[in-house]
Amino acid sequence: MSPEVAPEVATETAQLMTLLGEISAKVDQRLRELLPPTTEAPAELHEAMRYSALAPGKRLRPALVLLAAQAVGGNEQAALDAGCALEMIHAFSLIHDDLPALDNDDLRRGLPTCHIKFGEAVALLAGDALFALAFEVLASLPLPAQQVVDILKITAKCVGSEGLVGGETIDILSEGKEVSKETLDQIHLRKTAALIAAACEIGALTAPDPTSSPSTLRTYGESIGLAFQIADDVLNETATAEQLGKAVGSDRERGKATYPALYGLEESRTKALDLAAQASELIQNFPNAPSLRAIAQYSVLRMN
């Protein structure tokens, strides 16, 4: 049974959807400015970069950077550009994740994947170029030098072998195998939660005098990142292809290490709800706690 949604949660979620729509429009406009134009060579590479980075999406990571920055009185322009950089990294990861050598997906967000539209070679290079551009944008943030260095370090770590790429590697090597609970958590804390946690921490680091807020917001981000992943695992089993924007049941067919495979659907839902509650508790004293709490609730309400 799906849990009942309290009226106040429903209201906060509706307000969040409006807010995310406003943030998404702002992020898309800035991405269009930051991404190289298709009028410049190599045009096909730039077209592939824009195709993937501007594909319809929730823009969750940029939104978290901006909301975390607002929670600590941070620099809005720096937060917007940092959020766009993380969205480029997210797009890079999706391009590579969809390639035949990894998940071999034909659809992403309801559209042909980058390698289906542009070919494997251009898709691979578009992902590489987005990754490089992201760090160029981060290095140019209008912040004191030490804060820029800290943000660059956090981003590099959350993407490398201790983060996204490491999680993806363990995920691929675990396909078709029985995995432990510890391995499953390791995969998704790195593959999904690391970048979301970094978004929250980076937003806090745009403040004039960052103190304890970055670590609190990072822990919040880890919790909602894992909740989002569990919800995605559940949706891969229960949603329609139209709702999911890609093939349904693909994780099970490839023998992926997922929460429903190890825990079952109901226990997975319970685990996601617990993580969302933990995240909400962490940020209850922040100025814009309702927005951050609504994101935590949204991470699990998608399963209903």
Foldseek 3Di string as FASTA:
>chain_A
DDDDDDPVLVVLLVVLVVVLVVLLVVLLVVLVVLQDALVDPPNLLSVLLCCQLNQDDSLLLLVLLQVLLVLQVFDNVLSSLLSSLLSLLVSLLQLVCCDPVHLVFQWDQQHGRSCVVRNNVSSNVSSVVSNVSSLVSLCPRPAPPVLSVVLSVLVVCLVDCQAQVVLSVLQRVCWPHDDDPVSLLSNQLRNFQSSQLSSSLNSQSRHPDRDPSSVLSSLLSSLLRVLLQLLLLLCLAPPPCNVNRTHRPSCVVRRTDHCCVPPNNVVSLVSSVVSLVVSLVSCVPGPPSSNSNSSSVVSRVSND
